[in-house]
N, C-alpha and C. Protein backbone atom coordinates (compact mmCIF):
# COMPACT_ATOMS: atom_id res chain seq x y z
N MET A 1 0.86 -1.17 0.00
CA MET A 1 0.00 0.00 0.00
C MET A 1 0.90 1.24 0.00
N THR A 2 0.62 2.21 -0.82
CA THR A 2 1.43 3.43 -0.89
C THR A 2 0.78 4.55 -0.10
N ALA A 3 1.54 5.63 0.09
CA ALA A 3 1.03 6.78 0.86
C ALA A 3 -0.19 7.39 0.17
N THR A 4 -0.26 7.29 -1.15
CA THR A 4 -1.36 7.92 -1.86
C THR A 4 -2.63 7.08 -1.83
N SER A 5 -2.53 5.78 -1.42
CA SER A 5 -3.73 4.94 -1.43
C SER A 5 -4.34 4.80 -0.04
N ARG A 6 -3.76 5.39 0.96
CA ARG A 6 -4.34 5.36 2.31
C ARG A 6 -4.66 6.78 2.75
N ALA A 7 -5.13 6.90 3.96
CA ALA A 7 -5.46 8.23 4.48
C ALA A 7 -4.25 9.14 4.35
N PRO A 8 -4.45 10.39 3.99
CA PRO A 8 -3.32 11.30 3.79
C PRO A 8 -2.58 11.57 5.09
N TYR A 9 -1.35 12.00 4.94
CA TYR A 9 -0.59 12.45 6.10
C TYR A 9 -1.25 13.70 6.64
N ARG A 10 -1.03 13.96 7.91
CA ARG A 10 -1.60 15.14 8.54
C ARG A 10 -0.50 16.12 8.91
N ARG A 11 -0.89 17.35 9.17
CA ARG A 11 0.04 18.39 9.59
C ARG A 11 0.84 17.89 10.78
N GLY A 12 2.16 18.07 10.71
CA GLY A 12 3.03 17.64 11.79
C GLY A 12 3.65 16.27 11.59
N ASP A 13 3.11 15.47 10.68
CA ASP A 13 3.68 14.16 10.42
C ASP A 13 5.07 14.29 9.79
N TYR A 14 5.95 13.38 10.13
CA TYR A 14 7.29 13.33 9.54
C TYR A 14 7.21 12.44 8.31
N VAL A 15 7.65 12.95 7.18
CA VAL A 15 7.68 12.15 5.96
C VAL A 15 9.02 12.34 5.25
N VAL A 16 9.31 11.42 4.35
CA VAL A 16 10.55 11.45 3.58
C VAL A 16 10.19 11.60 2.11
N ASP A 17 10.88 12.48 1.41
CA ASP A 17 10.69 12.68 -0.02
C ASP A 17 11.78 11.89 -0.75
N GLU A 18 11.43 10.71 -1.22
CA GLU A 18 12.40 9.83 -1.87
C GLU A 18 12.97 10.42 -3.15
N ALA A 19 12.28 11.37 -3.77
CA ALA A 19 12.77 11.98 -5.01
C ALA A 19 14.02 12.83 -4.76
N THR A 20 14.31 13.17 -3.51
CA THR A 20 15.48 13.98 -3.20
C THR A 20 16.73 13.14 -2.94
N ARG A 21 16.60 11.83 -2.92
CA ARG A 21 17.75 10.94 -2.71
C ARG A 21 18.67 11.05 -3.93
N ARG A 22 19.98 11.11 -3.67
CA ARG A 22 20.97 11.20 -4.75
C ARG A 22 22.02 10.12 -4.58
N GLU A 23 22.43 9.54 -5.70
CA GLU A 23 23.49 8.54 -5.70
C GLU A 23 24.86 9.19 -5.83
N MET A 24 24.95 10.23 -6.67
CA MET A 24 26.24 10.90 -6.92
C MET A 24 26.06 12.39 -6.83
N PRO A 25 26.64 13.10 -5.90
CA PRO A 25 27.26 12.52 -4.70
C PRO A 25 26.18 11.93 -3.80
N PRO A 26 26.55 10.97 -2.99
CA PRO A 26 25.55 10.31 -2.15
C PRO A 26 24.88 11.31 -1.19
N GLU A 27 23.57 11.31 -1.19
CA GLU A 27 22.80 12.15 -0.27
C GLU A 27 21.52 11.42 0.07
N PRO A 28 21.23 11.30 1.38
CA PRO A 28 19.99 10.63 1.76
C PRO A 28 18.79 11.50 1.36
N PRO A 29 17.62 10.91 1.30
CA PRO A 29 16.44 11.71 0.98
C PRO A 29 16.14 12.69 2.10
N TRP A 30 15.48 13.78 1.74
CA TRP A 30 15.13 14.80 2.72
C TRP A 30 13.99 14.33 3.59
N VAL A 31 14.08 14.67 4.86
CA VAL A 31 12.99 14.43 5.81
C VAL A 31 12.32 15.77 6.05
N GLY A 32 11.01 15.78 6.02
CA GLY A 32 10.27 17.00 6.27
C GLY A 32 9.07 16.73 7.16
N ARG A 33 8.55 17.81 7.71
CA ARG A 33 7.30 17.71 8.46
C ARG A 33 6.22 18.35 7.63
N VAL A 34 5.07 17.72 7.63
CA VAL A 34 3.94 18.21 6.84
C VAL A 34 3.46 19.52 7.44
N GLN A 35 3.43 20.58 6.61
CA GLN A 35 2.94 21.88 7.03
C GLN A 35 1.53 22.14 6.51
N LEU A 36 1.26 21.59 5.32
CA LEU A 36 -0.03 21.85 4.67
C LEU A 36 -0.40 20.64 3.84
N VAL A 37 -1.66 20.28 3.88
CA VAL A 37 -2.19 19.19 3.06
C VAL A 37 -3.27 19.77 2.17
N SER A 38 -3.12 19.59 0.87
CA SER A 38 -4.14 20.01 -0.08
C SER A 38 -5.00 18.81 -0.43
N ALA A 39 -6.30 18.96 -0.26
CA ALA A 39 -7.22 17.87 -0.56
C ALA A 39 -7.20 17.57 -2.04
N GLY A 40 -7.55 16.41 -2.38
CA GLY A 40 -7.61 16.00 -3.77
C GLY A 40 -7.13 14.58 -3.89
N SER A 41 -7.09 14.12 -5.10
CA SER A 41 -6.63 12.77 -5.36
C SER A 41 -5.55 12.81 -6.42
N PRO A 42 -4.32 12.55 -6.09
CA PRO A 42 -3.81 12.26 -4.75
C PRO A 42 -3.62 13.54 -3.95
N PRO A 43 -3.55 13.42 -2.62
CA PRO A 43 -3.32 14.61 -1.81
C PRO A 43 -1.93 15.18 -2.07
N ARG A 44 -1.78 16.49 -1.93
CA ARG A 44 -0.48 17.17 -2.11
C ARG A 44 -0.05 17.73 -0.77
N TYR A 45 1.26 17.80 -0.58
CA TYR A 45 1.80 18.24 0.71
C TYR A 45 2.79 19.37 0.53
N VAL A 46 2.90 20.21 1.56
CA VAL A 46 3.98 21.17 1.69
C VAL A 46 4.76 20.70 2.91
N LEU A 47 6.06 20.45 2.71
CA LEU A 47 6.93 19.97 3.78
C LEU A 47 7.92 21.06 4.16
N VAL A 48 8.48 20.94 5.37
CA VAL A 48 9.49 21.89 5.82
C VAL A 48 10.65 21.11 6.45
N THR A 49 11.89 21.55 6.14
CA THR A 49 13.09 20.95 6.72
C THR A 49 13.34 21.56 8.10
N PRO A 50 14.29 21.01 8.86
CA PRO A 50 14.61 21.61 10.16
C PRO A 50 15.15 23.04 10.03
N THR A 51 15.68 23.40 8.86
CA THR A 51 16.20 24.76 8.67
C THR A 51 15.15 25.72 8.17
N GLY A 52 13.93 25.24 7.95
CA GLY A 52 12.84 26.11 7.53
C GLY A 52 12.57 26.15 6.04
N TYR A 53 13.31 25.38 5.25
CA TYR A 53 13.07 25.34 3.81
C TYR A 53 11.79 24.55 3.54
N GLU A 54 10.89 25.12 2.75
CA GLU A 54 9.64 24.45 2.39
C GLU A 54 9.67 24.00 0.95
N TRP A 55 9.07 22.86 0.67
CA TRP A 55 8.96 22.38 -0.70
C TRP A 55 7.74 21.48 -0.84
N ARG A 56 7.38 21.25 -2.08
CA ARG A 56 6.23 20.40 -2.41
C ARG A 56 6.74 19.14 -3.09
N PRO A 57 6.67 18.01 -2.41
CA PRO A 57 7.13 16.76 -3.03
C PRO A 57 6.09 16.25 -4.03
N GLY A 58 6.54 15.39 -4.91
CA GLY A 58 5.60 14.71 -5.81
C GLY A 58 4.68 13.82 -4.99
N PRO A 59 3.44 13.67 -5.41
CA PRO A 59 2.48 12.91 -4.60
C PRO A 59 2.87 11.46 -4.35
N GLY A 60 3.61 10.84 -5.25
CA GLY A 60 3.99 9.44 -5.05
C GLY A 60 5.36 9.26 -4.45
N ASP A 61 6.03 10.34 -4.09
CA ASP A 61 7.41 10.27 -3.62
C ASP A 61 7.55 10.25 -2.10
N VAL A 62 6.47 10.42 -1.36
CA VAL A 62 6.58 10.51 0.10
C VAL A 62 6.29 9.17 0.75
N ARG A 63 6.99 8.96 1.85
CA ARG A 63 6.77 7.78 2.70
C ARG A 63 6.92 8.22 4.14
N PRO A 64 6.40 7.46 5.09
CA PRO A 64 6.58 7.82 6.50
C PRO A 64 8.05 7.76 6.88
N ALA A 65 8.49 8.68 7.72
CA ALA A 65 9.87 8.67 8.22
C ALA A 65 10.01 7.58 9.28
N THR A 66 11.20 6.99 9.33
CA THR A 66 11.48 6.00 10.36
C THR A 66 11.73 6.71 11.68
N ALA A 67 11.78 5.95 12.75
CA ALA A 67 12.07 6.53 14.07
C ALA A 67 13.44 7.20 14.06
N GLU A 68 14.41 6.61 13.40
CA GLU A 68 15.75 7.20 13.31
C GLU A 68 15.72 8.51 12.53
N GLU A 69 14.98 8.55 11.43
CA GLU A 69 14.87 9.78 10.64
C GLU A 69 14.17 10.89 11.43
N ARG A 70 13.14 10.53 12.19
CA ARG A 70 12.45 11.52 13.03
C ARG A 70 13.39 12.06 14.10
N ALA A 71 14.18 11.18 14.71
CA ALA A 71 15.12 11.61 15.75
C ALA A 71 16.19 12.54 15.16
N GLU A 72 16.68 12.24 13.97
CA GLU A 72 17.67 13.10 13.32
C GLU A 72 17.07 14.47 13.01
N TYR A 73 15.84 14.49 12.54
CA TYR A 73 15.15 15.76 12.25
C TYR A 73 15.04 16.59 13.52
N ASP A 74 14.56 15.96 14.60
CA ASP A 74 14.38 16.69 15.86
C ASP A 74 15.71 17.21 16.40
N ALA A 75 16.78 16.41 16.27
CA ALA A 75 18.10 16.84 16.74
C ALA A 75 18.59 18.03 15.91
N ALA A 76 18.40 18.00 14.59
CA ALA A 76 18.80 19.11 13.74
C ALA A 76 18.00 20.37 14.08
N LEU A 77 16.73 20.22 14.36
CA LEU A 77 15.89 21.37 14.73
C LEU A 77 16.35 21.96 16.07
N GLU A 78 16.68 21.09 17.02
CA GLU A 78 17.15 21.57 18.32
C GLU A 78 18.48 22.30 18.16
N ARG A 79 19.40 21.80 17.31
CA ARG A 79 20.67 22.50 17.07
C ARG A 79 20.41 23.87 16.48
N ARG A 80 19.44 23.97 15.57
CA ARG A 80 19.10 25.26 14.97
C ARG A 80 18.57 26.22 16.03
N TYR A 81 17.62 25.75 16.85
CA TYR A 81 17.06 26.59 17.90
C TYR A 81 18.14 27.02 18.90
N ARG A 82 19.04 26.10 19.25
CA ARG A 82 20.11 26.43 20.18
C ARG A 82 20.98 27.54 19.60
N GLY A 83 21.32 27.44 18.32
CA GLY A 83 22.11 28.47 17.66
C GLY A 83 21.39 29.81 17.62
N LEU A 84 20.10 29.79 17.37
CA LEU A 84 19.33 31.03 17.35
C LEU A 84 19.23 31.65 18.75
N ARG A 85 19.06 30.81 19.78
CA ARG A 85 19.02 31.33 21.15
C ARG A 85 20.35 31.96 21.52
N GLU A 86 21.45 31.30 21.15
CA GLU A 86 22.78 31.85 21.44
C GLU A 86 22.99 33.17 20.71
N LEU A 87 22.58 33.24 19.46
CA LEU A 87 22.69 34.49 18.70
C LEU A 87 21.88 35.59 19.38
N GLY A 88 20.68 35.27 19.84
CA GLY A 88 19.85 36.24 20.53
C GLY A 88 20.51 36.74 21.80
N ARG A 89 21.14 35.83 22.55
CA ARG A 89 21.84 36.25 23.77
C ARG A 89 23.01 37.16 23.44
N ARG A 90 23.74 36.84 22.38
CA ARG A 90 24.87 37.67 21.98
C ARG A 90 24.42 39.06 21.54
N LEU A 91 23.36 39.10 20.76
CA LEU A 91 22.86 40.38 20.28
C LEU A 91 22.32 41.22 21.43
N THR A 92 21.60 40.59 22.33
CA THR A 92 21.07 41.31 23.49
C THR A 92 22.22 41.81 24.35
N GLY A 93 23.24 41.00 24.54
CA GLY A 93 24.40 41.38 25.34
C GLY A 93 25.19 42.50 24.70
N SER A 94 25.23 42.55 23.37
CA SER A 94 26.02 43.59 22.71
C SER A 94 25.35 44.96 22.78
N CYS A 95 24.05 44.98 23.11
CA CYS A 95 23.32 46.25 23.20
C CYS A 95 23.48 46.90 24.57
N ARG A 96 23.96 46.14 25.51
CA ARG A 96 24.15 46.69 26.86
C ARG A 96 25.48 47.43 26.89
N GLY A 97 25.45 48.64 27.29
CA GLY A 97 26.64 49.47 27.26
C GLY A 97 27.36 49.42 28.51
């Protein structure tokens, strides 16, 4: 059964866009979280990476992310947030005279 033949993914679900996998140079497929679901047959999705990049995968190219892929996504998002918090602290600190 494919993703397009069962109930659509919902906002917040972790999915993988297999069309982004590359052999040369080797690159794993992108993992994204569903931001928007467009009704229709097949359903269309807008996904977002941990860095905030959004894209629309092909309807037949998405599959559920594995537990390992979800953990990697969450870790990358936490690293991004940590970096932004640190930048905010530095900027706030630089304004104090």
